[in-house]
C-alpha atoms as a PDB file:
ATOM      1  CA  UNK A   1      -7.811  -6.021   0.609  1.00  0.00           C
ATOM      2  CA  UNK A   2      -7.435  -9.545   1.999  1.00  0.00           C
ATOM      3  CA  UNK A   3      -3.836  -9.210   3.196  1.00  0.00           C
ATOM      4  CA  UNK A   4      -4.471 -10.382   6.767  1.00  0.00           C
ATOM      5  CA  UNK A   5      -3.410 -13.984   6.077  1.00  0.00           C
ATOM      6  CA  UNK A   6       0.064 -12.754   5.112  1.00  0.00           C
ATOM      7  CA  UNK A   7       1.021 -10.246   7.802  1.00  0.00           C
ATOM      8  CA  UNK A   8       0.812  -9.847  11.566  1.00  0.00           C
ATOM      9  CA  UNK A   9      -2.315  -7.904  12.491  1.00  0.00           C
ATOM     10  CA  UNK A  10      -0.270  -5.212  14.258  1.00  0.00           C
ATOM     11  CA  UNK A  11       1.363  -4.395  10.909  1.00  0.00           C
ATOM     12  CA  UNK A  12      -1.925  -3.837   9.058  1.00  0.00           C
ATOM     13  CA  UNK A  13      -3.637  -0.477   9.348  1.00  0.00           C
ATOM     14  CA  UNK A  14      -6.991   0.856   8.206  1.00  0.00           C
ATOM     15  CA  UNK A  15      -8.595   4.251   7.803  1.00  0.00           C
ATOM     16  CA  UNK A  16      -9.776   4.199  11.417  1.00  0.00           C
ATOM     17  CA  UNK A  17      -6.185   3.882  12.621  1.00  0.00           C
ATOM     18  CA  UNK A  18      -5.087   7.245  11.243  1.00  0.00           C
ATOM     19  CA  UNK A  19      -8.089   9.426  12.074  1.00  0.00           C
ATOM     20  CA  UNK A  20      -8.560  12.369  12.056  1.00  0.00           C
ATOM     21  CA  UNK A  21      -6.149  12.257   9.113  1.00  0.00           C
ATOM     22  CA  UNK A  22      -6.562  10.226   5.955  1.00  0.00           C
ATOM     23  CA  UNK A  23      -4.478   8.930   3.079  1.00  0.00           C
ATOM     24  CA  UNK A  24      -2.579  10.412   1.318  1.00  0.00           C
ATOM     25  CA  UNK A  25      -1.937  13.076   4.006  1.00  0.00           C
ATOM     26  CA  UNK A  26       1.572  12.942   5.463  1.00  0.00           C
ATOM     27  CA  UNK A  27       0.109  12.935   8.987  1.00  0.00           C
ATOM     28  CA  UNK A  28      -1.775   9.718   8.255  1.00  0.00           C
ATOM     29  CA  UNK A  29       1.376   7.933   7.139  1.00  0.00           C
ATOM     30  CA  UNK A  30       3.424   9.434   9.978  1.00  0.00           C
ATOM     31  CA  UNK A  31       0.949   8.047  12.507  1.00  0.00           C
ATOM     32  CA  UNK A  32       1.595   4.545  11.122  1.00  0.00           C
ATOM     33  CA  UNK A  33       5.362   5.049  10.981  1.00  0.00           C
ATOM     34  CA  UNK A  34       5.336   6.181  14.611  1.00  0.00           C
ATOM     35  CA  UNK A  35       3.195   3.212  15.694  1.00  0.00           C
ATOM     36  CA  UNK A  36       5.552   0.740  14.024  1.00  0.00           C
ATOM     37  CA  UNK A  37       8.857   2.481  14.708  1.00  0.00           C
ATOM     38  CA  UNK A  38       9.558   3.031  11.008  1.00  0.00           C
ATOM     39  CA  UNK A  39      12.175   5.704  10.393  1.00  0.00           C
ATOM     40  CA  UNK A  40      12.840   4.830   6.746  1.00  0.00           C
ATOM     41  CA  UNK A  41       9.637   4.715   4.647  1.00  0.00           C
ATOM     42  CA  UNK A  42      11.383   2.642   1.968  1.00  0.00           C
ATOM     43  CA  UNK A  43      11.124  -0.302   4.368  1.00  0.00           C
ATOM     44  CA  UNK A  44       7.319  -0.115   4.187  1.00  0.00           C
ATOM     45  CA  UNK A  45       4.902  -1.377   1.550  1.00  0.00           C
ATOM     46  CA  UNK A  46       1.534   0.168   0.726  1.00  0.00           C
ATOM     47  CA  UNK A  47      -1.093  -2.193  -0.726  1.00  0.00           C
ATOM     48  CA  UNK A  48      -3.666  -0.005  -2.405  1.00  0.00           C
ATOM     49  CA  UNK A  49      -6.305   0.252  -5.123  1.00  0.00           C
ATOM     50  CA  UNK A  50      -6.331   4.070  -5.333  1.00  0.00           C
ATOM     51  CA  UNK A  51      -3.854   5.930  -7.531  1.00  0.00           C
ATOM     52  CA  UNK A  52      -4.051   8.997  -5.272  1.00  0.00           C
ATOM     53  CA  UNK A  53      -2.895   6.917  -2.320  1.00  0.00           C
ATOM     54  CA  UNK A  54      -0.286   5.016  -4.349  1.00  0.00           C
ATOM     55  CA  UNK A  55       1.270   8.328  -5.404  1.00  0.00           C
ATOM     56  CA  UNK A  56       1.153   9.667  -1.839  1.00  0.00           C
ATOM     57  CA  UNK A  57       2.972   6.608  -0.516  1.00  0.00           C
ATOM     58  CA  UNK A  58       5.567   6.714  -3.305  1.00  0.00           C
ATOM     59  CA  UNK A  59       6.193  10.429  -2.675  1.00  0.00           C
ATOM     60  CA  UNK A  60       7.203   9.488   0.884  1.00  0.00           C
ATOM     61  CA  UNK A  61       9.554   6.798  -0.432  1.00  0.00           C
ATOM     62  CA  UNK A  62       7.377   3.781   0.335  1.00  0.00           C
ATOM     63  CA  UNK A  63       7.157   0.711  -1.900  1.00  0.00           C
ATOM     64  CA  UNK A  64       3.783   0.329  -3.597  1.00  0.00           C
ATOM     65  CA  UNK A  65       1.565  -2.521  -4.729  1.00  0.00           C
ATOM     66  CA  UNK A  66      -1.451  -1.749  -6.899  1.00  0.00           C
ATOM     67  CA  UNK A  67      -4.256  -4.240  -6.286  1.00  0.00           C
ATOM     68  CA  UNK A  68      -6.520  -4.578  -9.293  1.00  0.00           C
ATOM     69  CA  UNK A  69      -9.096  -7.042  -7.943  1.00  0.00           C
ATOM     70  CA  UNK A  70     -10.765  -4.480  -5.712  1.00  0.00           C
ATOM     71  CA  UNK A  71     -11.509  -2.150  -8.616  1.00  0.00           C
ATOM     72  CA  UNK A  72     -15.217  -1.525  -8.716  1.00  0.00           C
ATOM     73  CA  UNK A  73     -15.301   2.012 -10.099  1.00  0.00           C
ATOM     74  CA  UNK A  74     -16.340   3.555  -6.785  1.00  0.00           C
ATOM     75  CA  UNK A  75     -14.536   5.970  -4.477  1.00  0.00           C
ATOM     76  CA  UNK A  76     -11.259   7.297  -5.851  1.00  0.00           C
ATOM     77  CA  UNK A  77     -11.596   4.953  -8.827  1.00  0.00           C
ATOM     78  CA  UNK A  78     -14.546   6.989 -10.090  1.00  0.00           C
ATOM     79  CA  UNK A  79     -12.196   9.997 -10.284  1.00  0.00           C
ATOM     80  CA  UNK A  80      -9.137   8.232 -11.703  1.00  0.00           C
ATOM     81  CA  UNK A  81      -8.900   4.665 -12.950  1.00  0.00           C
ATOM     82  CA  UNK A  82      -5.994   2.628 -11.555  1.00  0.00           C
ATOM     83  CA  UNK A  83      -2.988   2.742 -13.882  1.00  0.00           C
ATOM     84  CA  UNK A  84      -0.573  -0.190 -13.666  1.00  0.00           C
ATOM     85  CA  UNK A  85       1.899   1.773 -15.821  1.00  0.00           C
ATOM     86  CA  UNK A  86       2.099   4.764 -13.483  1.00  0.00           C
ATOM     87  CA  UNK A  87       5.715   5.288 -12.313  1.00  0.00           C
ATOM     88  CA  UNK A  88       4.516   5.336  -8.687  1.00  0.00           C
ATOM     89  CA  UNK A  89       3.461   1.669  -8.976  1.00  0.00           C
ATOM     90  CA  UNK A  90       6.179  -0.845  -8.079  1.00  0.00           C
ATOM     91  CA  UNK A  91       4.168  -4.054  -8.365  1.00  0.00           C
ATOM     92  CA  UNK A  92       0.747  -4.893  -9.805  1.00  0.00           C
ATOM     93  CA  UNK A  93      -1.367  -7.778  -8.542  1.00  0.00           C
ATOM     94  CA  UNK A  94      -4.772  -8.969  -9.608  1.00  0.00           C
ATOM     95  CA  UNK A  95      -5.368 -10.367  -6.113  1.00  0.00           C
ATOM     96  CA  UNK A  96      -3.427 -10.896  -2.917  1.00  0.00           C
ATOM     97  CA  UNK A  97      -3.307 -14.597  -3.795  1.00  0.00           C
ATOM     98  CA  UNK A  98      -0.327 -13.590  -5.965  1.00  0.00           C
ATOM     99  CA  UNK A  99       1.523 -12.100  -3.013  1.00  0.00           C
ATOM    100  CA  UNK A 100       3.987 -14.865  -2.235  1.00  0.00           C
ATOM    101  CA  UNK A 101       4.670 -15.522  -5.921  1.00  0.00           C
ATOM    102  CA  UNK A 102       5.248 -11.870  -6.849  1.00  0.00           C
ATOM    103  CA  UNK A 103       6.802 -10.623  -3.612  1.00  0.00           C
ATOM    104  CA  UNK A 104       8.520 -13.578  -1.967  1.00  0.00           C
ATOM    105  CA  UNK A 105      11.218 -11.054  -1.076  1.00  0.00           C
ATOM    106  CA  UNK A 106       9.008  -9.683   1.713  1.00  0.00           C
ATOM    107  CA  UNK A 107       9.585 -12.859   3.697  1.00  0.00           C
ATOM    108  CA  UNK A 108      13.316 -12.546   3.021  1.00  0.00           C
ATOM    109  CA  UNK A 109      13.189  -8.926   4.261  1.00  0.00           C
ATOM    110  CA  UNK A 110      14.708  -7.582   1.043  1.00  0.00           C
ATOM    111  CA  UNK A 111      12.756  -5.694  -1.622  1.00  0.00           C
ATOM    112  CA  UNK A 112      13.063  -7.275  -5.094  1.00  0.00           C
ATOM    113  CA  UNK A 113       9.870  -6.897  -7.151  1.00  0.00           C
END
């Protein structure tokens, strides 16, 4: 998703990091929370292109960013097209190049989409 230039590598997780679980299973998210010491999911942000995973993160109380650039109609997108108007979506970005413009608050450590 091209977010590595913006965050420390130890704060970025991939599918391999949560095995044998997978998003949007609670156990997958809990594994990340435990690894980072997160006790309040609302202090975490999920960057995602799958509505299923966006909704799973929001259900736990996480902040969500729907990335539109990675939409290619494969995977979960073949089941359900990303919906920028879904109530589980906090912020929509075409690409991560918009990150600092749309979410400067992340560097201020206060959520203000």
